PDB file of N, CA and C in Angstrom:
ATOM      1  N   MET A   1      14.533 -17.707  15.767  1.00  0.00           N
ATOM      2  CA  MET A   1      14.097 -17.099  14.389  1.00  0.00           C
ATOM      3  C   MET A   1      14.122 -15.195  15.257  1.00  0.00           C
ATOM      4  N   ALA A   2      15.112 -14.327  14.714  1.00  0.00           N
ATOM      5  CA  ALA A   2      14.907 -13.219  15.563  1.00  0.00           C
ATOM      6  C   ALA A   2      14.249 -12.751  14.087  1.00  0.00           C
ATOM      7  N   ARG A   3      13.506 -11.369  15.297  1.00  0.00           N
ATOM      8  CA  ARG A   3      12.661 -10.612  14.368  1.00  0.00           C
ATOM      9  C   ARG A   3      13.311  -9.642  13.439  1.00  0.00           C
ATOM     10  N   LEU A   4      12.448  -9.999  12.401  1.00  0.00           N
ATOM     11  CA  LEU A   4      13.302  -8.629  11.165  1.00  0.00           C
ATOM     12  C   LEU A   4      12.614  -6.950  11.164  1.00  0.00           C
ATOM     13  N   GLY A   5      11.230  -7.856  11.564  1.00  0.00           N
ATOM     14  CA  GLY A   5       9.944  -6.038  11.576  1.00  0.00           C
ATOM     15  C   GLY A   5      10.017  -5.428  12.511  1.00  0.00           C
ATOM     16  N   SER A   6       9.502  -4.216  11.902  1.00  0.00           N
ATOM     17  CA  SER A   6       9.053  -3.395  13.287  1.00  0.00           C
ATOM     18  C   SER A   6       7.167  -2.629  13.080  1.00  0.00           C
ATOM     19  N   GLY A   7       7.349  -3.572  11.964  1.00  0.00           N
ATOM     20  CA  GLY A   7       5.826  -2.707  11.848  1.00  0.00           C
ATOM     21  C   GLY A   7       5.255  -3.196  10.380  1.00  0.00           C
ATOM     22  N   TYR A   8       4.553  -2.528   9.939  1.00  0.00           N
ATOM     23  CA  TYR A   8       3.354  -2.893   8.496  1.00  0.00           C
ATOM     24  C   TYR A   8       3.089  -1.515   8.100  1.00  0.00           C
ATOM     25  N   LEU A   9       3.000  -2.140   6.421  1.00  0.00           N
ATOM     26  CA  LEU A   9       3.179  -0.538   5.760  1.00  0.00           C
ATOM     27  C   LEU A   9       1.586  -0.921   4.685  1.00  0.00           C
ATOM     28  N   GLY A  10       0.888  -0.205   4.373  1.00  0.00           N
ATOM     29  CA  GLY A  10      -0.033  -0.623   3.460  1.00  0.00           C
ATOM     30  C   GLY A  10      -1.659   0.076   2.897  1.00  0.00           C
ATOM     31  N   THR A  11      -1.792  -0.164   2.120  1.00  0.00           N
ATOM     32  CA  THR A  11      -2.885   0.733   1.530  1.00  0.00           C
ATOM     33  C   THR A  11      -4.217   0.715   2.774  1.00  0.00           C
ATOM     34  N   ASP A  12      -4.906   1.344   2.971  1.00  0.00           N
ATOM     35  CA  ASP A  12      -6.370   1.308   3.837  1.00  0.00           C
ATOM     36  C   ASP A  12      -7.350   0.996   2.751  1.00  0.00           C
ATOM     37  N   THR A  13      -7.372   1.409   1.258  1.00  0.00           N
ATOM     38  CA  THR A  13      -8.277   1.374   0.438  1.00  0.00           C
ATOM     39  C   THR A  13      -7.667   0.975  -1.174  1.00  0.00           C
ATOM     40  N   LEU A  14      -8.529   0.946  -1.869  1.00  0.00           N
ATOM     41  CA  LEU A  14      -7.832   0.526  -3.455  1.00  0.00           C
ATOM     42  C   LEU A  14      -7.804   1.896  -3.756  1.00  0.00           C
ATOM     43  N   LYS A  15      -6.252   1.864  -4.234  1.00  0.00           N
ATOM     44  CA  LYS A  15      -5.777   3.583  -4.518  1.00  0.00           C
ATOM     45  C   LYS A  15      -5.817   3.256  -6.392  1.00  0.00           C
ATOM     46  N   THR A  16      -5.321   4.864  -6.821  1.00  0.00           N
ATOM     47  CA  THR A  16      -5.000   4.899  -8.412  1.00  0.00           C
ATOM     48  C   THR A  16      -4.332   5.773  -8.220  1.00  0.00           C
ATOM     49  N   SER A  17      -3.032   5.326  -9.546  1.00  0.00           N
ATOM     50  CA  SER A  17      -1.821   6.179  -9.524  1.00  0.00           C
ATOM     51  C   SER A  17      -1.855   7.221 -10.459  1.00  0.00           C
ATOM     52  N   THR A  18      -1.196   8.355  -9.582  1.00  0.00           N
ATOM     53  CA  THR A  18      -0.946   9.370 -10.241  1.00  0.00           C
ATOM     54  C   THR A  18       0.787   9.054 -11.561  1.00  0.00           C
ATOM     55  N   ALA A  19       0.706   9.317 -12.738  1.00  0.00           N
ATOM     56  CA  ALA A  19       1.972   8.982 -13.270  1.00  0.00           C
ATOM     57  C   ALA A  19       3.301   9.664 -12.313  1.00  0.00           C
ATOM     58  N   MET A  20       4.190   8.595 -12.480  1.00  0.00           N
ATOM     59  CA  MET A  20       5.742   8.755 -12.176  1.00  0.00           C
ATOM     60  C   MET A  20       5.250   9.255  -9.968  1.00  0.00           C
ATOM     61  N   GLN A  21       4.656   8.920  -9.693  1.00  0.00           N
ATOM     62  CA  GLN A  21       4.568   9.166  -8.323  1.00  0.00           C
ATOM     63  C   GLN A  21       4.899   8.352  -7.386  1.00  0.00           C
ATOM     64  N   GLU A  22       5.596   8.366  -5.815  1.00  0.00           N
ATOM     65  CA  GLU A  22       5.921   7.359  -5.002  1.00  0.00           C
ATOM     66  C   GLU A  22       4.483   6.959  -4.880  1.00  0.00           C
ATOM     67  N   ILE A  23       4.806   5.716  -4.528  1.00  0.00           N
ATOM     68  CA  ILE A  23       3.116   5.014  -3.281  1.00  0.00           C
ATOM     69  C   ILE A  23       3.721   5.050  -2.306  1.00  0.00           C
ATOM     70  N   LEU A  24       4.857   4.710  -1.822  1.00  0.00           N
ATOM     71  CA  LEU A  24       5.082   4.600  -0.550  1.00  0.00           C
ATOM     72  C   LEU A  24       5.318   5.641   0.075  1.00  0.00           C
ATOM     73  N   PRO A  25       4.423   6.078   1.229  1.00  0.00           N
ATOM     74  CA  PRO A  25       4.821   7.785   2.032  1.00  0.00           C
ATOM     75  C   PRO A  25       5.919   7.808   2.441  1.00  0.00           C
ATOM     76  N   THR A  26       6.029   9.069   3.104  1.00  0.00           N
ATOM     77  CA  THR A  26       7.137   9.626   3.718  1.00  0.00           C
ATOM     78  C   THR A  26       7.361   9.267   5.490  1.00  0.00           C
ATOM     79  N   PRO A  27       7.870   8.441   5.988  1.00  0.00           N
ATOM     80  CA  PRO A  27       8.091   8.427   7.287  1.00  0.00           C
ATOM     81  C   PRO A  27       7.985   9.489   8.093  1.00  0.00           C
ATOM     82  N   PRO A  28       7.509   9.429   9.262  1.00  0.00           N
ATOM     83  CA  PRO A  28       7.613  10.382  10.253  1.00  0.00           C
ATOM     84  C   PRO A  28       8.735  10.713  10.871  1.00  0.00           C
ATOM     85  N   SER A  29       8.713  11.766  11.471  1.00  0.00           N
ATOM     86  CA  SER A  29      10.583  12.424  11.655  1.00  0.00           C
ATOM     87  C   SER A  29      11.129  11.445  12.789  1.00  0.00           C
ATOM     88  N   SER A  30      10.138  10.464  13.423  1.00  0.00           N
ATOM     89  CA  SER A  30      10.781  10.376  14.407  1.00  0.00           C
ATOM     90  C   SER A  30      11.399   8.530  13.799  1.00  0.00           C
ATOM     91  N   TYR A  31      11.119   7.930  12.910  1.00  0.00           N
ATOM     92  CA  TYR A  31      11.665   7.428  11.861  1.00  0.00           C
ATOM     93  C   TYR A  31      13.467   7.289  11.660  1.00  0.00           C
ATOM     94  N   GLN A  32      13.956   5.994  11.932  1.00  0.00           N
ATOM     95  CA  GLN A  32      15.315   6.655  11.423  1.00  0.00           C
ATOM     96  C   GLN A  32      15.927   6.365  10.475  1.00  0.00           C
ATOM     97  N   TYR A  33      15.122   6.368   9.318  1.00  0.00           N
ATOM     98  CA  TYR A  33      15.545   6.968   7.923  1.00  0.00           C
ATOM     99  C   TYR A  33      15.046   8.024   7.038  1.00  0.00           C
ATOM    100  N   LYS A  34      15.179   8.180   5.982  1.00  0.00           N
ATOM    101  CA  LYS A  34      14.206   9.417   5.293  1.00  0.00           C
ATOM    102  C   LYS A  34      13.549   8.699   4.447  1.00  0.00           C
ATOM    103  N   LYS A  35      13.525   7.467   4.310  1.00  0.00           N
ATOM    104  CA  LYS A  35      12.676   5.942   3.653  1.00  0.00           C
ATOM    105  C   LYS A  35      12.529   4.781   4.210  1.00  0.00           C
ATOM    106  N   TYR A  36      11.429   4.628   4.307  1.00  0.00           N
ATOM    107  CA  TYR A  36      10.736   3.035   4.479  1.00  0.00           C
ATOM    108  C   TYR A  36      11.895   2.034   3.976  1.00  0.00           C
ATOM    109  N   ASN A  37      12.199   1.426   4.894  1.00  0.00           N
ATOM    110  CA  ASN A  37      12.939   0.122   4.219  1.00  0.00           C
ATOM    111  C   ASN A  37      11.774  -1.160   4.461  1.00  0.00           C
ATOM    112  N   LEU A  38      11.188  -1.765   3.282  1.00  0.00           N
ATOM    113  CA  LEU A  38      10.852  -3.185   3.352  1.00  0.00           C
ATOM    114  C   LEU A  38      11.111  -3.984   2.930  1.00  0.00           C
ATOM    115  N   TYR A  39      11.226  -4.967   4.077  1.00  0.00           N
ATOM    116  CA  TYR A  39      11.785  -6.392   3.826  1.00  0.00           C
ATOM    117  C   TYR A  39      10.565  -7.160   3.301  1.00  0.00           C
ATOM    118  N   LYS A  40       9.579  -7.251   3.533  1.00  0.00           N
ATOM    119  CA  LYS A  40       8.602  -7.575   2.592  1.00  0.00           C
ATOM    120  C   LYS A  40       7.660  -6.974   1.946  1.00  0.00           C
ATOM    121  N   PHE A  41       6.915  -7.272   0.861  1.00  0.00           N
ATOM    122  CA  PHE A  41       6.169  -6.098  -0.026  1.00  0.00           C
ATOM    123  C   PHE A  41       5.866  -6.781  -0.826  1.00  0.00           C
ATOM    124  N   SER A  42       4.410  -6.844  -1.057  1.00  0.00           N
ATOM    125  CA  SER A  42       3.254  -7.133  -2.450  1.00  0.00           C
ATOM    126  C   SER A  42       2.209  -6.115  -2.610  1.00  0.00           C
ATOM    127  N   PHE A  43       2.721  -5.980  -3.550  1.00  0.00           N
ATOM    128  CA  PHE A  43       2.186  -5.408  -4.987  1.00  0.00           C
ATOM    129  C   PHE A  43       0.779  -5.904  -5.900  1.00  0.00           C
ATOM    130  N   MET A  44      -0.468  -5.484  -5.552  1.00  0.00           N
ATOM    131  CA  MET A  44      -1.246  -6.116  -6.446  1.00  0.00           C
ATOM    132  C   MET A  44      -1.815  -5.286  -7.543  1.00  0.00           C
ATOM    133  N   ASN A  45      -1.476  -5.103  -8.675  1.00  0.00           N
ATOM    134  CA  ASN A  45      -2.486  -4.346  -9.681  1.00  0.00           C
ATOM    135  C   ASN A  45      -3.448  -4.722 -10.514  1.00  0.00           C
ATOM    136  N   GLN A  46      -4.382  -3.298 -10.759  1.00  0.00           N
ATOM    137  CA  GLN A  46      -5.469  -4.354 -11.448  1.00  0.00           C
ATOM    138  C   GLN A  46      -5.868  -3.957 -13.327  1.00  0.00           C
ATOM    139  N   GLN A  47      -4.488  -3.445 -13.485  1.00  0.00           N
ATOM    140  CA  GLN A  47      -4.590  -3.023 -14.825  1.00  0.00           C
ATOM    141  C   GLN A  47      -2.912  -3.197 -15.313  1.00  0.00           C
ATOM    142  N   ASP A  48      -2.493  -3.517 -16.608  1.00  0.00           N
ATOM    143  CA  ASP A  48      -1.205  -3.676 -17.116  1.00  0.00           C
ATOM    144  C   ASP A  48      -0.318  -2.289 -16.428  1.00  0.00           C
ATOM    145  N   CYS A  49       0.591  -2.533 -16.024  1.00  0.00           N
ATOM    146  CA  CYS A  49       0.970  -1.237 -15.868  1.00  0.00           C
ATOM    147  C   CYS A  49       3.072  -1.283 -15.870  1.00  0.00           C
ATOM    148  N   THR A  50       3.857  -0.247 -15.413  1.00  0.00           N
ATOM    149  CA  THR A  50       5.159  -0.638 -15.341  1.00  0.00           C
ATOM    150  C   THR A  50       5.543   0.064 -14.442  1.00  0.00           C
ATOM    151  N   VAL A  51       6.501  -0.339 -13.304  1.00  0.00           N
ATOM    152  CA  VAL A  51       6.580   0.669 -12.458  1.00  0.00           C
ATOM    153  C   VAL A  51       8.487   0.307 -12.178  1.00  0.00           C
ATOM    154  N   ILE A  52       9.163   1.695 -11.198  1.00  0.00           N
ATOM    155  CA  ILE A  52      10.408   1.504 -11.248  1.00  0.00           C
ATOM    156  C   ILE A  52      10.391   1.230  -9.443  1.00  0.00           C
ATOM    157  N   VAL A  53      11.358   0.190  -9.356  1.00  0.00           N
ATOM    158  CA  VAL A  53      11.690  -0.296  -8.408  1.00  0.00           C
ATOM    159  C   VAL A  53      13.168   0.342  -7.942  1.00  0.00           C
ATOM    160  N   ASN A  54      13.326   0.882  -6.504  1.00  0.00           N
ATOM    161  CA  ASN A  54      14.429   1.581  -5.834  1.00  0.00           C
ATOM    162  C   ASN A  54      14.711   2.993  -6.911  1.00  0.00           C
ATOM    163  N   GLY A  55      14.273   3.433  -8.077  1.00  0.00           N
ATOM    164  CA  GLY A  55      14.878   4.361  -8.610  1.00  0.00           C
ATOM    165  C   GLY A  55      15.875   4.090  -9.088  1.00  0.00           C
ATOM    166  N   ALA A  56      15.620   2.626  -9.813  1.00  0.00           N
ATOM    167  CA  ALA A  56      16.752   2.031 -10.639  1.00  0.00           C
ATOM    168  C   ALA A  56      15.926   1.078 -11.522  1.00  0.00           C
ATOM    169  N   THR A  57      15.307  -0.073 -10.915  1.00  0.00           N
ATOM    170  CA  THR A  57      14.520  -1.093 -12.132  1.00  0.00           C
ATOM    171  C   THR A  57      13.041  -1.045 -12.306  1.00  0.00           C
ATOM    172  N   THR A  58      13.121  -0.796 -13.818  1.00  0.00           N
ATOM    173  CA  THR A  58      11.698  -0.594 -14.740  1.00  0.00           C
ATOM    174  C   THR A  58      11.486  -2.200 -15.155  1.00  0.00           C
ATOM    175  N   LEU A  59       9.962  -2.590 -14.403  1.00  0.00           N
ATOM    176  CA  LEU A  59       9.326  -3.671 -14.638  1.00  0.00           C
ATOM    177  C   LEU A  59       7.690  -3.270 -15.302  1.00  0.00           C
ATOM    178  N   PHE A  60       7.850  -4.682 -16.623  1.00  0.00           N
ATOM    179  CA  PHE A  60       5.964  -4.453 -16.598  1.00  0.00           C
ATOM    180  C   PHE A  60       5.862  -5.441 -15.676  1.00  0.00           C
ATOM    181  N   ILE A  61       4.555  -4.720 -15.423  1.00  0.00           N
ATOM    182  CA  ILE A  61       3.699  -6.078 -14.695  1.00  0.00           C
ATOM    183  C   ILE A  61       2.082  -5.915 -15.378  1.00  0.00           C
ATOM    184  N   LEU A  62       1.720  -7.548 -15.735  1.00  0.00           N
ATOM    185  CA  LEU A  62       0.590  -7.669 -15.942  1.00  0.00           C
ATOM    186  C   LEU A  62      -0.463  -7.125 -15.136  1.00  0.00           C
ATOM    187  N   ALA A  63      -1.632  -6.672 -15.958  1.00  0.00           N
ATOM    188  CA  ALA A  63      -2.781  -6.991 -15.046  1.00  0.00           C
ATOM    189  C   ALA A  63      -3.125  -7.970 -13.976  1.00  0.00           C
ATOM    190  N   GLY A  64      -2.731  -8.031 -13.103  1.00  0.00           N
ATOM    191  CA  GLY A  64      -3.378  -8.839 -11.880  1.00  0.00           C
ATOM    192  C   GLY A  64      -2.286 -10.144 -11.624  1.00  0.00           C
ATOM    193  N   GLN A  65      -1.046  -9.399 -12.357  1.00  0.00           N
ATOM    194  CA  GLN A  65       0.092 -10.210 -11.881  1.00  0.00           C
ATOM    195  C   GLN A  65       0.958  -9.843 -10.663  1.00  0.00           C
ATOM    196  N   GLY A  66       0.968  -8.636 -10.467  1.00  0.00           N
ATOM    197  CA  GLY A  66       1.383  -8.636  -8.946  1.00  0.00           C
ATOM    198  C   GLY A  66       3.407  -8.088  -9.103  1.00  0.00           C
ATOM    199  N   PHE A  67       3.299  -7.889  -7.920  1.00  0.00           N
ATOM    200  CA  PHE A  67       4.793  -7.851  -7.585  1.00  0.00           C
ATOM    201  C   PHE A  67       4.947  -8.233  -6.100  1.00  0.00           C
ATOM    202  N   GLU A  68       5.983  -9.019  -5.812  1.00  0.00           N
ATOM    203  CA  GLU A  68       6.576  -9.579  -4.488  1.00  0.00           C
ATOM    204  C   GLU A  68       7.688  -9.528  -3.890  1.00  0.00           C
ATOM    205  N   ILE A  69       7.893  -9.428  -3.157  1.00  0.00           N
ATOM    206  CA  ILE A  69       9.387  -9.517  -2.636  1.00  0.00           C
ATOM    207  C   ILE A  69       9.729 -10.669  -1.218  1.00  0.00           C
ATOM    208  N   THR A  70      10.276 -10.790  -0.454  1.00  0.00           N
ATOM    209  CA  THR A  70      10.422 -11.571   0.704  1.00  0.00           C
ATOM    210  C   THR A  70      11.708 -11.262   1.525  1.00  0.00           C
ATOM    211  N   GLU A  71      11.988 -11.538   2.670  1.00  0.00           N
ATOM    212  CA  GLU A  71      12.829 -11.066   3.345  1.00  0.00           C
ATOM    213  C   GLU A  71      14.366 -11.477   2.924  1.00  0.00           C
ATOM    214  N   ILE A  72      14.756 -12.386   1.723  1.00  0.00           N
ATOM    215  CA  ILE A  72      15.880 -12.680   1.358  1.00  0.00           C
ATOM    216  C   ILE A  72      16.213 -11.863   0.047  1.00  0.00           C
ATOM    217  N   ASP A  73      15.150 -10.534  -0.795  1.00  0.00           N
ATOM    218  CA  ASP A  73      15.127 -10.081  -1.606  1.00  0.00           C
ATOM    219  C   ASP A  73      16.284  -8.777  -0.654  1.00  0.00           C
ATOM    220  N   GLN A  74      16.210  -7.983  -2.053  1.00  0.00           N
ATOM    221  CA  GLN A  74      16.647  -6.889  -1.416  1.00  0.00           C
ATOM    222  C   GLN A  74      15.383  -5.703  -1.267  1.00  0.00           C
ATOM    223  N   PRO A  75      15.498  -4.783  -0.103  1.00  0.00           N
ATOM    224  CA  PRO A  75      14.551  -4.640   0.369  1.00  0.00           C
ATOM    225  C   PRO A  75      14.205  -3.281  -0.526  1.00  0.00           C
ATOM    226  N   ILE A  76      12.883  -3.024  -0.463  1.00  0.00           N
ATOM    227  CA  ILE A  76      12.148  -1.693  -1.154  1.00  0.00           C
ATOM    228  C   ILE A  76      12.409  -0.324  -0.570  1.00  0.00           C
ATOM    229  N   ASN A  77      12.752   0.283  -1.034  1.00  0.00           N
ATOM    230  CA  ASN A  77      12.712   1.766  -0.062  1.00  0.00           C
ATOM    231  C   ASN A  77      11.764   2.938  -1.179  1.00  0.00           C
ATOM    232  N   SER A  78      11.636   2.144  -2.853  1.00  0.00           N
ATOM    233  CA  SER A  78      11.094   3.245  -3.838  1.00  0.00           C
ATOM    234  C   SER A  78      10.237   2.546  -4.596  1.00  0.00           C
ATOM    235  N   PHE A  79       8.698   2.917  -4.353  1.00  0.00           N
ATOM    236  CA  PHE A  79       7.823   2.043  -5.606  1.00  0.00           C
ATOM    237  C   PHE A  79       7.222   3.038  -6.538  1.00  0.00           C
ATOM    238  N   VAL A  80       7.557   3.361  -7.659  1.00  0.00           N
ATOM    239  CA  VAL A  80       6.481   4.693  -8.491  1.00  0.00           C
ATOM    240  C   VAL A  80       5.897   3.456  -9.570  1.00  0.00           C
ATOM    241  N   VAL A  81       4.426   3.988  -9.848  1.00  0.00           N
ATOM    242  CA  VAL A  81       3.748   3.649 -10.446  1.00  0.00           C
ATOM    243  C   VAL A  81       3.945   4.683 -11.856  1.00  0.00           C
ATOM    244  N   LYS A  82       4.575   3.971 -13.294  1.00  0.00           N
ATOM    245  CA  LYS A  82       4.600   4.970 -14.199  1.00  0.00           C
ATOM    246  C   LYS A  82       3.276   5.694 -14.734  1.00  0.00           C
ATOM    247  N   GLU A  83       2.478   4.891 -14.997  1.00  0.00           N
ATOM    248  CA  GLU A  83       1.138   5.491 -15.356  1.00  0.00           C
ATOM    249  C   GLU A  83       0.425   6.166 -14.731  1.00  0.00           C
ATOM    250  N   SER A  84      -0.965   6.882 -14.945  1.00  0.00           N
ATOM    251  CA  SER A  84      -1.722   7.187 -14.119  1.00  0.00           C
ATOM    252  C   SER A  84      -2.875   6.104 -14.299  1.00  0.00           C
ATOM    253  N   GLY A  85      -3.746   6.616 -13.542  1.00  0.00           N
ATOM    254  CA  GLY A  85      -4.701   5.741 -13.627  1.00  0.00           C
ATOM    255  C   GLY A  85      -5.191   4.113 -13.316  1.00  0.00           C
ATOM    256  N   ILE A  86      -3.719   3.752 -12.710  1.00  0.00           N
ATOM    257  CA  ILE A  86      -3.627   1.827 -12.420  1.00  0.00           C
ATOM    258  C   ILE A  86      -3.666   1.773 -11.064  1.00  0.00           C
ATOM    259  N   THR A  87      -5.043   0.935 -10.765  1.00  0.00           N
ATOM    260  CA  THR A  87      -5.755   0.955  -9.532  1.00  0.00           C
ATOM    261  C   THR A  87      -4.781  -0.469  -8.984  1.00  0.00           C
ATOM    262  N   TYR A  88      -4.699  -0.122  -7.476  1.00  0.00           N
ATOM    263  CA  TYR A  88      -3.625  -0.941  -7.215  1.00  0.00           C
ATOM    264  C   TYR A  88      -3.952  -0.764  -5.618  1.00  0.00           C
ATOM    265  N   THR A  89      -3.632  -2.088  -4.805  1.00  0.00           N
ATOM    266  CA  THR A  89      -3.430  -1.965  -3.388  1.00  0.00           C
ATOM    267  C   THR A  89      -1.453  -2.509  -2.989  1.00  0.00           C
ATOM    268  N   TYR A  90      -1.256  -2.308  -2.294  1.00  0.00           N
ATOM    269  CA  TYR A  90       0.418  -2.727  -1.434  1.00  0.00           C
ATOM    270  C   TYR A  90       0.085  -3.008   0.251  1.00  0.00           C
ATOM    271  N   ILE A  91       1.072  -4.068   0.521  1.00  0.00           N
ATOM    272  CA  ILE A  91       1.468  -4.231   1.648  1.00  0.00           C
ATOM    273  C   ILE A  91       2.945  -4.331   2.516  1.00  0.00           C
ATOM    274  N   GLY A  92       3.319  -3.951   3.157  1.00  0.00           N
ATOM    275  CA  GLY A  92       5.138  -4.188   3.415  1.00  0.00           C
ATOM    276  C   GLY A  92       5.191  -4.352   4.867  1.00  0.00           C
ATOM    277  N   GLY A  93       6.189  -4.993   4.599  1.00  0.00           N
ATOM    278  CA  GLY A  93       7.076  -5.290   6.285  1.00  0.00           C
ATOM    279  C   GLY A  93       7.778  -4.289   6.488  1.00  0.00           C
ATOM    280  N   VAL A  94       7.933  -3.329   7.173  1.00  0.00           N
ATOM    281  CA  VAL A  94       8.676  -2.954   7.603  1.00  0.00           C
ATOM    282  C   VAL A  94       9.925  -2.781   8.357  1.00  0.00           C
ATOM    283  N   TYR A  95      11.355  -2.887   8.445  1.00  0.00           N
ATOM    284  CA  TYR A  95      12.388  -3.148   9.146  1.00  0.00           C
ATOM    285  C   TYR A  95      12.334  -1.871  10.611  1.00  0.00           C
TER     286      TYR A  95
END
């Protein structure tokens, strides 16, 4: 099986959201794209929240439900939590 990823991206501690702020960091200038493309992604939230995936799809996620994709799903390049004060962690596999 061919390797898909080039590394990992994730939180280093429990984070708290700011309303409508992108949670994925901006890649360094050496990265080939302006945004990270995550072929695997797992988000775990401690409170009910609403997220916007890839700037288009709005989803409501129950506390502790989380959100996850694998390599068979559309890659994630943007993940925004609409509310402030949501505590979360995430981890992703970078193309």
